[in-house]
Amino acid sequence: QDNEGFMWFGTQDGLNRYDGKRLKVYKKDPLSSRSLGHNYILSLFKNRSGNFWIGTYTGLIFFDREAETFKWFNEVYGDSSALDNVRVYAVNEDQDRNLWVGTFGKGLQLVDQRNKKIIQFINDGQPGCISANFIKDIHIDRRGNVWVATFYNGLNLYDKATGKFIQ
């Protein structure tokens, strides 16, 4: 639920906004470059500005609620090869407004929104790496700790001091 009382639902057939009486459905329109880029929604995250980041079957999409327009991640941040054509199962934002994005197969992405820089965390077999490249969920606790749940290899805690993960 957003600050205005609307309920938002990501479905397999679009983004739905419920106002208590009516349902408004946002879908991909092949004739519009500003419509929802993919109808199958895997995750939905409302940022501090009240806008949404939407994880889909084919990437990450930004929804500007005021303008009611959608933009692919690469339109907002430029080069985003780590977030192109990938399922996005989790999105969260830390206290520094960094965006944490969990993908299916391309690991965890840390998006430094101020500097428009992306850091990719993958399982490369090295000590301190994330336990899997298939991310299910991301939780940021009250202390600012980033917890990452994977599909196959358990839970990871990101150690900000070392830049490594504790499994």
N, C-alpha and C. Protein backbone atom coordinates (compact mmCIF):
# COMPACT_ATOMS: atom_id res chain seq x y z
N GLN A 1 0.85 -1.18 0.00
CA GLN A 1 0.00 0.00 0.00
C GLN A 1 0.88 1.24 0.00
N ASP A 2 0.53 2.22 -0.82
CA ASP A 2 1.33 3.44 -0.89
C ASP A 2 0.80 4.49 0.09
N ASN A 3 1.43 5.65 0.12
CA ASN A 3 1.07 6.72 1.05
C ASN A 3 -0.29 7.34 0.77
N GLU A 4 -0.80 7.13 -0.44
CA GLU A 4 -2.12 7.66 -0.80
C GLU A 4 -3.24 6.66 -0.56
N GLY A 5 -2.89 5.46 -0.09
CA GLY A 5 -3.89 4.43 0.20
C GLY A 5 -4.14 3.45 -0.92
N PHE A 6 -3.50 3.63 -2.08
CA PHE A 6 -3.67 2.68 -3.18
C PHE A 6 -2.96 1.36 -2.83
N MET A 7 -3.56 0.27 -3.22
CA MET A 7 -2.95 -1.05 -3.11
C MET A 7 -2.37 -1.40 -4.48
N TRP A 8 -1.14 -1.88 -4.51
CA TRP A 8 -0.45 -2.21 -5.75
C TRP A 8 -0.14 -3.70 -5.77
N PHE A 9 -0.38 -4.34 -6.94
CA PHE A 9 -0.14 -5.76 -7.08
C PHE A 9 0.59 -6.03 -8.39
N GLY A 10 1.68 -6.75 -8.32
CA GLY A 10 2.36 -7.22 -9.51
C GLY A 10 1.84 -8.61 -9.82
N THR A 11 1.38 -8.83 -11.04
CA THR A 11 0.80 -10.12 -11.42
C THR A 11 1.53 -10.68 -12.64
N GLN A 12 1.04 -11.80 -13.12
CA GLN A 12 1.58 -12.37 -14.35
C GLN A 12 1.01 -11.68 -15.57
N ASP A 13 0.10 -10.73 -15.34
CA ASP A 13 -0.54 -10.04 -16.45
C ASP A 13 -0.61 -8.53 -16.20
N GLY A 14 0.47 -7.97 -15.64
CA GLY A 14 0.54 -6.53 -15.50
C GLY A 14 0.63 -6.04 -14.07
N LEU A 15 0.69 -4.72 -13.95
CA LEU A 15 0.73 -4.02 -12.66
C LEU A 15 -0.67 -3.50 -12.38
N ASN A 16 -1.18 -3.81 -11.18
CA ASN A 16 -2.54 -3.43 -10.82
C ASN A 16 -2.54 -2.45 -9.67
N ARG A 17 -3.37 -1.40 -9.80
CA ARG A 17 -3.56 -0.42 -8.73
C ARG A 17 -5.02 -0.45 -8.33
N TYR A 18 -5.25 -0.68 -7.04
CA TYR A 18 -6.62 -0.75 -6.53
C TYR A 18 -6.86 0.44 -5.61
N ASP A 19 -7.94 1.19 -5.86
CA ASP A 19 -8.24 2.39 -5.06
C ASP A 19 -9.36 2.16 -4.04
N GLY A 20 -9.78 0.91 -3.86
CA GLY A 20 -10.86 0.60 -2.94
C GLY A 20 -12.17 0.33 -3.66
N LYS A 21 -12.25 0.80 -4.91
CA LYS A 21 -13.45 0.60 -5.72
C LYS A 21 -13.14 0.01 -7.09
N ARG A 22 -12.09 0.57 -7.69
CA ARG A 22 -11.76 0.18 -9.06
C ARG A 22 -10.31 -0.31 -9.14
N LEU A 23 -10.10 -1.16 -10.13
CA LEU A 23 -8.77 -1.68 -10.41
C LEU A 23 -8.28 -1.05 -11.70
N LYS A 24 -7.11 -0.45 -11.66
CA LYS A 24 -6.48 0.08 -12.88
C LYS A 24 -5.32 -0.85 -13.21
N VAL A 25 -5.25 -1.31 -14.45
CA VAL A 25 -4.23 -2.27 -14.86
C VAL A 25 -3.29 -1.61 -15.87
N TYR A 26 -2.00 -1.66 -15.56
CA TYR A 26 -0.97 -1.17 -16.48
C TYR A 26 -0.38 -2.39 -17.17
N LYS A 27 -0.32 -2.33 -18.51
CA LYS A 27 0.21 -3.44 -19.29
C LYS A 27 1.16 -2.94 -20.37
N LYS A 28 1.89 -3.86 -20.92
CA LYS A 28 2.76 -3.54 -22.05
C LYS A 28 1.90 -3.19 -23.26
N ASP A 29 2.22 -2.06 -23.86
CA ASP A 29 1.57 -1.64 -25.10
C ASP A 29 2.65 -1.61 -26.17
N PRO A 30 2.60 -2.50 -27.15
CA PRO A 30 3.65 -2.54 -28.16
C PRO A 30 3.80 -1.24 -28.96
N LEU A 31 2.78 -0.37 -28.92
CA LEU A 31 2.83 0.88 -29.66
C LEU A 31 3.38 2.04 -28.83
N SER A 32 3.69 1.79 -27.55
CA SER A 32 4.18 2.87 -26.68
C SER A 32 5.48 2.46 -26.01
N SER A 33 6.49 3.31 -26.15
CA SER A 33 7.78 3.04 -25.49
C SER A 33 7.74 3.40 -24.01
N ARG A 34 6.67 4.02 -23.55
CA ARG A 34 6.56 4.43 -22.14
C ARG A 34 5.57 3.57 -21.35
N SER A 35 5.13 2.45 -21.95
CA SER A 35 4.24 1.54 -21.24
C SER A 35 5.09 0.52 -20.47
N LEU A 36 4.42 -0.30 -19.67
CA LEU A 36 5.09 -1.35 -18.92
C LEU A 36 5.84 -2.25 -19.91
N GLY A 37 7.12 -2.47 -19.68
CA GLY A 37 7.95 -3.20 -20.63
C GLY A 37 7.70 -4.69 -20.71
N HIS A 38 7.12 -5.28 -19.67
CA HIS A 38 6.81 -6.71 -19.65
C HIS A 38 5.68 -6.92 -18.66
N ASN A 39 4.72 -7.76 -19.00
CA ASN A 39 3.55 -7.95 -18.14
C ASN A 39 3.78 -8.88 -16.96
N TYR A 40 4.78 -9.76 -17.03
CA TYR A 40 5.01 -10.74 -15.96
C TYR A 40 5.88 -10.09 -14.89
N ILE A 41 5.27 -9.77 -13.75
CA ILE A 41 5.97 -9.06 -12.69
C ILE A 41 6.38 -10.03 -11.59
N LEU A 42 7.66 -10.01 -11.25
CA LEU A 42 8.21 -10.89 -10.23
C LEU A 42 8.44 -10.17 -8.90
N SER A 43 8.67 -8.86 -8.95
CA SER A 43 8.90 -8.10 -7.71
C SER A 43 8.46 -6.65 -7.91
N LEU A 44 8.14 -6.02 -6.80
CA LEU A 44 7.66 -4.64 -6.82
C LEU A 44 8.21 -3.94 -5.59
N PHE A 45 8.88 -2.81 -5.80
CA PHE A 45 9.47 -2.08 -4.68
C PHE A 45 9.17 -0.59 -4.81
N LYS A 46 8.61 -0.01 -3.75
CA LYS A 46 8.33 1.43 -3.73
C LYS A 46 9.51 2.11 -3.05
N ASN A 47 10.14 3.06 -3.75
CA ASN A 47 11.29 3.76 -3.17
C ASN A 47 10.83 4.93 -2.30
N ARG A 48 11.77 5.63 -1.71
CA ARG A 48 11.44 6.73 -0.79
C ARG A 48 10.72 7.88 -1.48
N SER A 49 10.87 8.00 -2.78
CA SER A 49 10.19 9.06 -3.54
C SER A 49 8.76 8.68 -3.89
N GLY A 50 8.37 7.44 -3.59
CA GLY A 50 7.02 6.98 -3.91
C GLY A 50 6.87 6.38 -5.28
N ASN A 51 7.98 6.29 -6.02
CA ASN A 51 7.96 5.64 -7.33
C ASN A 51 8.30 4.17 -7.16
N PHE A 52 8.07 3.39 -8.20
CA PHE A 52 8.28 1.95 -8.11
C PHE A 52 9.41 1.47 -9.01
N TRP A 53 10.13 0.47 -8.52
CA TRP A 53 11.02 -0.35 -9.32
C TRP A 53 10.31 -1.69 -9.47
N ILE A 54 10.20 -2.15 -10.69
CA ILE A 54 9.45 -3.35 -11.00
C ILE A 54 10.38 -4.39 -11.62
N GLY A 55 10.47 -5.53 -10.95
CA GLY A 55 11.26 -6.64 -11.48
C GLY A 55 10.37 -7.51 -12.35
N THR A 56 10.82 -7.74 -13.58
CA THR A 56 10.04 -8.54 -14.52
C THR A 56 10.85 -9.72 -15.03
N TYR A 57 10.23 -10.47 -15.91
CA TYR A 57 10.88 -11.63 -16.53
C TYR A 57 12.04 -11.21 -17.44
N THR A 58 12.05 -9.95 -17.86
CA THR A 58 13.09 -9.53 -18.81
C THR A 58 13.89 -8.32 -18.34
N GLY A 59 13.83 -8.00 -17.06
CA GLY A 59 14.65 -6.90 -16.57
C GLY A 59 13.95 -6.03 -15.55
N LEU A 60 14.59 -4.91 -15.24
CA LEU A 60 14.13 -3.99 -14.22
C LEU A 60 13.54 -2.74 -14.88
N ILE A 61 12.38 -2.32 -14.38
CA ILE A 61 11.66 -1.19 -14.95
C ILE A 61 11.35 -0.18 -13.86
N PHE A 62 11.51 1.10 -14.18
CA PHE A 62 11.19 2.19 -13.27
C PHE A 62 9.83 2.76 -13.65
N PHE A 63 8.96 2.96 -12.64
CA PHE A 63 7.64 3.53 -12.87
C PHE A 63 7.55 4.87 -12.17
N ASP A 64 7.42 5.93 -12.96
CA ASP A 64 7.23 7.27 -12.44
C ASP A 64 5.73 7.45 -12.26
N ARG A 65 5.29 7.42 -11.00
CA ARG A 65 3.86 7.45 -10.73
C ARG A 65 3.20 8.76 -11.14
N GLU A 66 3.88 9.87 -10.93
CA GLU A 66 3.30 11.17 -11.27
C GLU A 66 3.04 11.28 -12.77
N ALA A 67 4.02 10.89 -13.57
CA ALA A 67 3.89 10.96 -15.03
C ALA A 67 3.18 9.73 -15.60
N GLU A 68 3.04 8.68 -14.78
CA GLU A 68 2.49 7.40 -15.21
C GLU A 68 3.22 6.87 -16.45
N THR A 69 4.54 6.90 -16.37
CA THR A 69 5.36 6.37 -17.46
C THR A 69 6.35 5.35 -16.90
N PHE A 70 6.77 4.45 -17.77
CA PHE A 70 7.70 3.38 -17.42
C PHE A 70 8.98 3.56 -18.22
N LYS A 71 10.11 3.23 -17.59
CA LYS A 71 11.40 3.26 -18.29
C LYS A 71 12.20 2.02 -17.90
N TRP A 72 12.84 1.42 -18.89
CA TRP A 72 13.76 0.33 -18.61
C TRP A 72 14.94 0.88 -17.82
N PHE A 73 15.55 0.03 -17.02
CA PHE A 73 16.68 0.42 -16.19
C PHE A 73 17.77 1.12 -16.99
N ASN A 74 18.09 0.60 -18.17
CA ASN A 74 19.17 1.20 -18.97
C ASN A 74 18.83 2.60 -19.46
N GLU A 75 17.55 2.95 -19.54
CA GLU A 75 17.17 4.32 -19.90
C GLU A 75 17.45 5.28 -18.76
N VAL A 76 17.41 4.77 -17.54
CA VAL A 76 17.66 5.60 -16.36
C VAL A 76 19.16 5.67 -16.06
N TYR A 77 19.87 4.54 -16.21
CA TYR A 77 21.27 4.47 -15.79
C TYR A 77 22.27 4.20 -16.89
N GLY A 78 21.85 4.14 -18.12
CA GLY A 78 22.81 3.88 -19.19
C GLY A 78 23.16 2.41 -19.26
N ASP A 79 24.43 2.08 -19.45
CA ASP A 79 24.88 0.69 -19.59
C ASP A 79 24.44 -0.13 -18.39
N SER A 80 23.77 -1.22 -18.66
CA SER A 80 23.30 -2.08 -17.58
C SER A 80 23.34 -3.55 -17.99
N SER A 81 24.44 -3.98 -18.57
CA SER A 81 24.51 -5.34 -19.11
C SER A 81 24.18 -6.39 -18.06
N ALA A 82 24.46 -6.11 -16.78
CA ALA A 82 24.14 -7.07 -15.73
C ALA A 82 22.63 -7.16 -15.49
N LEU A 83 21.87 -6.19 -15.97
CA LEU A 83 20.41 -6.19 -15.75
C LEU A 83 19.62 -6.28 -17.05
N ASP A 84 20.28 -6.59 -18.16
CA ASP A 84 19.59 -6.76 -19.43
C ASP A 84 19.10 -8.19 -19.57
N ASN A 85 17.86 -8.33 -20.02
CA ASN A 85 17.28 -9.62 -20.35
C ASN A 85 17.50 -10.66 -19.25
N VAL A 86 17.13 -10.29 -18.02
CA VAL A 86 17.28 -11.19 -16.88
C VAL A 86 16.06 -11.07 -15.98
N ARG A 87 15.70 -12.16 -15.35
CA ARG A 87 14.58 -12.13 -14.39
C ARG A 87 15.04 -11.41 -13.12
N VAL A 88 14.24 -10.47 -12.66
CA VAL A 88 14.55 -9.72 -11.45
C VAL A 88 13.53 -10.11 -10.38
N TYR A 89 14.02 -10.87 -9.39
CA TYR A 89 13.15 -11.39 -8.34
C TYR A 89 13.10 -10.53 -7.09
N ALA A 90 14.05 -9.63 -6.91
CA ALA A 90 14.07 -8.84 -5.67
C ALA A 90 14.67 -7.47 -5.92
N VAL A 91 14.10 -6.46 -5.27
CA VAL A 91 14.63 -5.10 -5.31
C VAL A 91 14.45 -4.49 -3.93
N ASN A 92 15.47 -3.78 -3.46
CA ASN A 92 15.39 -3.08 -2.19
C ASN A 92 16.32 -1.87 -2.24
N GLU A 93 16.17 -0.98 -1.28
CA GLU A 93 16.98 0.24 -1.24
C GLU A 93 17.53 0.40 0.17
N ASP A 94 18.84 0.66 0.28
CA ASP A 94 19.43 0.82 1.61
C ASP A 94 19.36 2.27 2.08
N GLN A 95 19.93 2.52 3.26
CA GLN A 95 19.86 3.85 3.87
C GLN A 95 20.57 4.92 3.05
N ASP A 96 21.55 4.50 2.23
CA ASP A 96 22.28 5.44 1.37
C ASP A 96 21.63 5.60 0.01
N ARG A 97 20.44 5.04 -0.14
CA ARG A 97 19.67 5.06 -1.40
C ARG A 97 20.32 4.25 -2.51
N ASN A 98 21.19 3.31 -2.13
CA ASN A 98 21.71 2.36 -3.11
C ASN A 98 20.62 1.34 -3.38
N LEU A 99 20.49 0.95 -4.62
CA LEU A 99 19.49 -0.02 -5.02
C LEU A 99 20.15 -1.40 -5.07
N TRP A 100 19.55 -2.38 -4.41
CA TRP A 100 20.02 -3.76 -4.43
C TRP A 100 19.05 -4.56 -5.28
N VAL A 101 19.59 -5.26 -6.30
CA VAL A 101 18.74 -5.96 -7.27
C VAL A 101 19.17 -7.43 -7.33
N GLY A 102 18.22 -8.32 -7.06
CA GLY A 102 18.49 -9.75 -7.11
C GLY A 102 17.98 -10.36 -8.39
N THR A 103 18.85 -11.05 -9.10
CA THR A 103 18.50 -11.62 -10.40
C THR A 103 18.51 -13.15 -10.35
N PHE A 104 17.98 -13.72 -11.39
CA PHE A 104 17.98 -15.17 -11.55
C PHE A 104 19.07 -15.53 -12.56
N GLY A 105 20.27 -15.79 -12.04
CA GLY A 105 21.36 -16.21 -12.90
C GLY A 105 22.51 -15.24 -13.01
N LYS A 106 22.27 -13.94 -12.79
CA LYS A 106 23.34 -12.95 -12.89
C LYS A 106 23.69 -12.35 -11.53
N GLY A 107 23.36 -13.05 -10.46
CA GLY A 107 23.77 -12.64 -9.13
C GLY A 107 23.05 -11.44 -8.58
N LEU A 108 23.76 -10.73 -7.70
CA LEU A 108 23.24 -9.57 -7.01
C LEU A 108 23.89 -8.31 -7.57
N GLN A 109 23.09 -7.29 -7.82
CA GLN A 109 23.61 -6.04 -8.36
C GLN A 109 23.42 -4.94 -7.32
N LEU A 110 24.46 -4.18 -7.08
CA LEU A 110 24.38 -3.01 -6.20
C LEU A 110 24.46 -1.80 -7.10
N VAL A 111 23.40 -1.00 -7.11
CA VAL A 111 23.34 0.18 -7.96
C VAL A 111 23.55 1.41 -7.09
N ASP A 112 24.69 2.05 -7.26
CA ASP A 112 24.99 3.31 -6.58
C ASP A 112 24.26 4.39 -7.37
N GLN A 113 23.10 4.82 -6.87
CA GLN A 113 22.25 5.74 -7.63
C GLN A 113 22.86 7.13 -7.76
N ARG A 114 23.65 7.54 -6.78
CA ARG A 114 24.27 8.88 -6.86
C ARG A 114 25.31 8.95 -7.96
N ASN A 115 26.15 7.91 -8.04
CA ASN A 115 27.24 7.91 -9.02
C ASN A 115 26.91 7.13 -10.28
N LYS A 116 25.68 6.58 -10.32
CA LYS A 116 25.24 5.79 -11.48
C LYS A 116 26.26 4.72 -11.83
N LYS A 117 26.65 3.95 -10.80
CA LYS A 117 27.63 2.88 -10.95
C LYS A 117 27.00 1.58 -10.47
N ILE A 118 27.32 0.47 -11.15
CA ILE A 118 26.78 -0.83 -10.78
C ILE A 118 27.93 -1.76 -10.37
N ILE A 119 27.75 -2.42 -9.23
CA ILE A 119 28.69 -3.43 -8.76
C ILE A 119 27.96 -4.76 -8.80
N GLN A 120 28.55 -5.74 -9.45
CA GLN A 120 27.92 -7.05 -9.56
C GLN A 120 28.60 -8.02 -8.61
N PHE A 121 27.80 -8.72 -7.81
CA PHE A 121 28.29 -9.76 -6.92
C PHE A 121 27.82 -11.10 -7.47
N ILE A 122 28.78 -11.97 -7.80
CA ILE A 122 28.44 -13.29 -8.33
C ILE A 122 29.18 -14.35 -7.53
N ASN A 123 28.69 -15.56 -7.64
CA ASN A 123 29.39 -16.69 -7.04
C ASN A 123 30.47 -17.12 -8.01
N ASP A 124 31.71 -16.79 -7.67
CA ASP A 124 32.84 -17.18 -8.51
C ASP A 124 33.75 -18.18 -7.81
N GLY A 125 33.27 -18.73 -6.68
CA GLY A 125 34.03 -19.73 -5.95
C GLY A 125 35.08 -19.17 -5.01
N GLN A 126 35.24 -17.86 -5.00
CA GLN A 126 36.25 -17.23 -4.14
C GLN A 126 35.70 -17.08 -2.72
N PRO A 127 36.59 -17.07 -1.70
CA PRO A 127 36.13 -16.86 -0.33
C PRO A 127 35.41 -15.51 -0.20
N GLY A 128 34.29 -15.51 0.50
CA GLY A 128 33.55 -14.28 0.72
C GLY A 128 32.60 -13.89 -0.39
N CYS A 129 32.51 -14.72 -1.45
CA CYS A 129 31.56 -14.39 -2.52
C CYS A 129 30.15 -14.81 -2.09
N ILE A 130 29.18 -14.32 -2.79
CA ILE A 130 27.80 -14.70 -2.52
C ILE A 130 27.63 -16.19 -2.82
N SER A 131 26.73 -16.86 -2.11
CA SER A 131 26.65 -18.32 -2.21
C SER A 131 26.00 -18.83 -3.50
N ALA A 132 25.28 -17.98 -4.23
CA ALA A 132 24.63 -18.41 -5.48
C ALA A 132 24.33 -17.20 -6.35
N ASN A 133 24.13 -17.44 -7.63
CA ASN A 133 23.79 -16.37 -8.57
C ASN A 133 22.29 -16.25 -8.82
N PHE A 134 21.52 -16.99 -8.06
CA PHE A 134 20.07 -17.01 -8.20
C PHE A 134 19.47 -16.44 -6.91
N ILE A 135 19.08 -15.17 -6.96
CA ILE A 135 18.65 -14.43 -5.77
C ILE A 135 17.13 -14.46 -5.67
N LYS A 136 16.64 -14.82 -4.51
CA LYS A 136 15.19 -14.93 -4.25
C LYS A 136 14.63 -13.69 -3.57
N ASP A 137 15.39 -13.13 -2.58
CA ASP A 137 14.86 -12.00 -1.82
C ASP A 137 16.01 -11.21 -1.20
N ILE A 138 15.74 -9.96 -0.91
CA ILE A 138 16.71 -9.06 -0.27
C ILE A 138 15.99 -8.34 0.86
N HIS A 139 16.58 -8.37 2.03
CA HIS A 139 16.00 -7.66 3.18
C HIS A 139 17.07 -6.77 3.78
N ILE A 140 16.70 -5.55 4.12
CA ILE A 140 17.62 -4.63 4.79
C ILE A 140 17.03 -4.34 6.16
N ASP A 141 17.77 -4.73 7.22
CA ASP A 141 17.24 -4.59 8.57
C ASP A 141 17.42 -3.18 9.11
N ARG A 142 16.94 -2.95 10.33
CA ARG A 142 17.00 -1.61 10.95
C ARG A 142 18.41 -1.07 11.10
N ARG A 143 19.36 -1.95 11.22
CA ARG A 143 20.77 -1.53 11.36
C ARG A 143 21.44 -1.28 10.01
N GLY A 144 20.71 -1.53 8.93
CA GLY A 144 21.26 -1.31 7.60
C GLY A 144 21.96 -2.53 7.02
N ASN A 145 21.89 -3.67 7.72
CA ASN A 145 22.50 -4.90 7.21
C ASN A 145 21.70 -5.41 6.01
N VAL A 146 22.41 -5.89 5.01
CA VAL A 146 21.77 -6.41 3.80
C VAL A 146 21.81 -7.94 3.87
N TRP A 147 20.62 -8.54 3.89
CA TRP A 147 20.46 -9.99 3.92
C TRP A 147 19.96 -10.43 2.55
N VAL A 148 20.59 -11.47 2.00
CA VAL A 148 20.25 -11.93 0.66
C VAL A 148 19.92 -13.42 0.70
N ALA A 149 18.69 -13.75 0.32
CA ALA A 149 18.26 -15.15 0.25
C ALA A 149 18.42 -15.63 -1.19
N THR A 150 19.02 -16.81 -1.33
CA THR A 150 19.19 -17.39 -2.66
C THR A 150 18.18 -18.51 -2.87
N PHE A 151 18.02 -18.91 -4.11
CA PHE A 151 17.10 -20.00 -4.42
C PHE A 151 17.65 -21.34 -3.92
N TYR A 152 18.96 -21.55 -4.03
CA TYR A 152 19.50 -22.88 -3.81
C TYR A 152 20.54 -23.00 -2.70
N ASN A 153 21.16 -21.89 -2.28
CA ASN A 153 22.28 -21.99 -1.35
C ASN A 153 22.15 -21.12 -0.12
N GLY A 154 20.95 -20.98 0.41
CA GLY A 154 20.76 -20.36 1.71
C GLY A 154 20.83 -18.85 1.75
N LEU A 155 21.15 -18.37 2.96
CA LEU A 155 21.11 -16.96 3.30
C LEU A 155 22.51 -16.37 3.39
N ASN A 156 22.66 -15.13 2.93
CA ASN A 156 23.94 -14.42 2.95
C ASN A 156 23.76 -13.08 3.65
N LEU A 157 24.77 -12.68 4.40
CA LEU A 157 24.82 -11.36 5.03
C LEU A 157 25.98 -10.61 4.39
N TYR A 158 25.70 -9.41 3.87
CA TYR A 158 26.75 -8.61 3.26
C TYR A 158 27.49 -7.83 4.35
N ASP A 159 28.81 -7.98 4.38
CA ASP A 159 29.65 -7.26 5.33
C ASP A 159 30.16 -6.00 4.65
N LYS A 160 29.59 -4.84 5.02
CA LYS A 160 29.95 -3.57 4.39
C LYS A 160 31.42 -3.23 4.56
N ALA A 161 31.99 -3.59 5.70
CA ALA A 161 33.39 -3.25 6.00
C ALA A 161 34.36 -3.96 5.06
N THR A 162 34.06 -5.21 4.71
CA THR A 162 34.97 -5.99 3.87
C THR A 162 34.49 -6.11 2.43
N GLY A 163 33.20 -5.84 2.18
CA GLY A 163 32.65 -6.05 0.85
C GLY A 163 32.47 -7.52 0.53
N LYS A 164 32.43 -8.35 1.55
CA LYS A 164 32.29 -9.81 1.36
C LYS A 164 30.99 -10.29 1.99
N PHE A 165 30.63 -11.53 1.70
CA PHE A 165 29.42 -12.12 2.22
C PHE A 165 29.73 -13.20 3.24
N ILE A 166 28.91 -13.27 4.26
CA ILE A 166 28.96 -14.32 5.27
C ILE A 166 27.75 -15.21 5.00
N GLN A 167 28.01 -16.49 4.80
CA GLN A 167 26.93 -17.41 4.46
C GLN A 167 26.36 -18.06 5.70
